[in-house]
Amino acid sequence: MDLAPATGLTITFATKYFNSHWYILIVTLPYRFYYSEILTTFYTS
C-alpha cells in the first residue's frame, strides 16, 4: 500500500475544508467571546 496518494488526498481534503471554513471560525469567534461575556455578566451580577 502506497501512502503517498492517501497522504495527498488527506492534505487536499484538509486544505479544502480549511479554505471553506476558516472564515466561519474567524467570523463566529467575536460572537462567541461576546456571548460568553454576556453570560458571565448576567450570572455574576
N, C-alpha and C. Protein backbone atom coordinates (compact mmCIF):
# COMPACT_ATOMS: atom_id res chain seq x y z
N MET A 1 0.86 -1.20 0.00
CA MET A 1 0.00 0.00 0.00
C MET A 1 0.89 1.25 0.00
N ASP A 2 0.71 2.05 -0.99
CA ASP A 2 1.50 3.28 -1.08
C ASP A 2 0.78 4.38 -0.30
N LEU A 3 1.49 5.00 0.62
CA LEU A 3 0.86 6.01 1.47
C LEU A 3 0.83 7.38 0.83
N ALA A 4 1.57 7.56 -0.25
CA ALA A 4 1.64 8.88 -0.88
C ALA A 4 0.28 9.37 -1.37
N PRO A 5 -0.48 8.56 -2.12
CA PRO A 5 -1.80 9.03 -2.59
C PRO A 5 -2.75 9.34 -1.44
N ALA A 6 -2.73 8.48 -0.42
CA ALA A 6 -3.62 8.69 0.73
C ALA A 6 -3.25 9.97 1.46
N THR A 7 -1.95 10.20 1.62
CA THR A 7 -1.50 11.41 2.30
C THR A 7 -1.87 12.65 1.50
N GLY A 8 -1.69 12.56 0.19
CA GLY A 8 -2.05 13.68 -0.69
C GLY A 8 -3.53 13.98 -0.63
N LEU A 9 -4.33 12.91 -0.59
CA LEU A 9 -5.78 13.07 -0.52
C LEU A 9 -6.18 13.71 0.79
N THR A 10 -5.54 13.29 1.87
CA THR A 10 -5.83 13.85 3.18
C THR A 10 -5.48 15.33 3.24
N ILE A 11 -4.32 15.67 2.68
CA ILE A 11 -3.89 17.07 2.66
C ILE A 11 -4.84 17.91 1.81
N THR A 12 -5.25 17.35 0.67
CA THR A 12 -6.18 18.07 -0.21
C THR A 12 -7.50 18.31 0.49
N PHE A 13 -8.01 17.28 1.16
CA PHE A 13 -9.28 17.40 1.88
C PHE A 13 -9.17 18.42 3.00
N ALA A 14 -8.07 18.34 3.75
CA ALA A 14 -7.87 19.26 4.86
C ALA A 14 -7.76 20.70 4.37
N THR A 15 -7.08 20.87 3.24
CA THR A 15 -6.92 22.22 2.68
C THR A 15 -8.26 22.77 2.22
N LYS A 16 -9.05 21.93 1.52
CA LYS A 16 -10.36 22.37 1.05
C LYS A 16 -11.28 22.69 2.22
N TYR A 17 -11.23 21.84 3.25
CA TYR A 17 -12.07 22.05 4.42
C TYR A 17 -11.68 23.34 5.13
N PHE A 18 -10.37 23.55 5.26
CA PHE A 18 -9.88 24.74 5.94
C PHE A 18 -10.24 26.00 5.15
N ASN A 19 -10.06 25.94 3.83
CA ASN A 19 -10.34 27.10 2.99
C ASN A 19 -11.82 27.47 3.01
N SER A 20 -12.69 26.48 3.23
CA SER A 20 -14.13 26.75 3.20
C SER A 20 -14.70 27.04 4.58
N HIS A 21 -13.90 26.83 5.62
CA HIS A 21 -14.43 27.01 6.97
C HIS A 21 -13.66 27.99 7.84
N TRP A 22 -12.49 28.42 7.38
CA TRP A 22 -11.69 29.30 8.24
C TRP A 22 -12.41 30.62 8.50
N TYR A 23 -13.13 31.13 7.49
CA TYR A 23 -13.82 32.40 7.67
C TYR A 23 -14.98 32.26 8.64
N ILE A 24 -15.58 31.08 8.68
CA ILE A 24 -16.65 30.84 9.64
C ILE A 24 -16.10 30.90 11.06
N LEU A 25 -14.93 30.30 11.25
CA LEU A 25 -14.30 30.32 12.57
C LEU A 25 -13.94 31.73 12.99
N ILE A 26 -13.40 32.50 12.04
CA ILE A 26 -12.99 33.88 12.34
C ILE A 26 -14.20 34.77 12.61
N VAL A 27 -15.26 34.58 11.82
CA VAL A 27 -16.45 35.42 11.96
C VAL A 27 -17.19 35.12 13.26
N THR A 28 -17.24 33.85 13.64
CA THR A 28 -18.01 33.48 14.83
C THR A 28 -17.21 33.66 16.12
N LEU A 29 -15.90 33.81 16.01
CA LEU A 29 -15.08 33.95 17.21
C LEU A 29 -15.47 35.15 18.07
N PRO A 30 -15.60 36.36 17.50
CA PRO A 30 -16.02 37.51 18.31
C PRO A 30 -17.39 37.30 18.94
N TYR A 31 -18.31 36.67 18.21
CA TYR A 31 -19.64 36.44 18.75
C TYR A 31 -19.59 35.48 19.93
N ARG A 32 -18.74 34.45 19.83
CA ARG A 32 -18.60 33.51 20.94
C ARG A 32 -18.06 34.22 22.17
N PHE A 33 -17.07 35.06 21.97
CA PHE A 33 -16.48 35.79 23.10
C PHE A 33 -17.50 36.75 23.69
N TYR A 34 -18.21 37.48 22.83
CA TYR A 34 -19.21 38.45 23.28
C TYR A 34 -20.33 37.74 24.04
N TYR A 35 -20.76 36.60 23.51
CA TYR A 35 -21.83 35.85 24.13
C TYR A 35 -21.42 35.33 25.50
N SER A 36 -20.17 34.85 25.60
CA SER A 36 -19.68 34.35 26.89
C SER A 36 -19.56 35.49 27.89
N GLU A 37 -19.20 36.68 27.41
CA GLU A 37 -19.10 37.84 28.29
C GLU A 37 -20.49 38.21 28.82
N ILE A 38 -21.50 38.16 27.96
CA ILE A 38 -22.87 38.47 28.38
C ILE A 38 -23.34 37.47 29.44
N LEU A 39 -23.08 36.18 29.18
CA LEU A 39 -23.49 35.16 30.14
C LEU A 39 -22.77 35.33 31.47
N THR A 40 -21.49 35.63 31.40
CA THR A 40 -20.71 35.82 32.62
C THR A 40 -21.24 37.01 33.42
N THR A 41 -21.50 38.11 32.73
CA THR A 41 -22.02 39.30 33.39
C THR A 41 -23.40 39.05 33.97
N PHE A 42 -24.22 38.31 33.23
CA PHE A 42 -25.59 38.04 33.66
C PHE A 42 -25.61 37.18 34.92
N TYR A 43 -24.76 36.16 34.95
CA TYR A 43 -24.80 35.22 36.07
C TYR A 43 -24.02 35.71 37.28
N THR A 44 -23.15 36.68 37.09
CA THR A 44 -22.35 37.15 38.23
C THR A 44 -22.89 38.44 38.82
N SER A 45 -23.91 39.01 38.18
CA SER A 45 -24.45 40.27 38.69
C SER A 45 -25.49 40.01 39.78
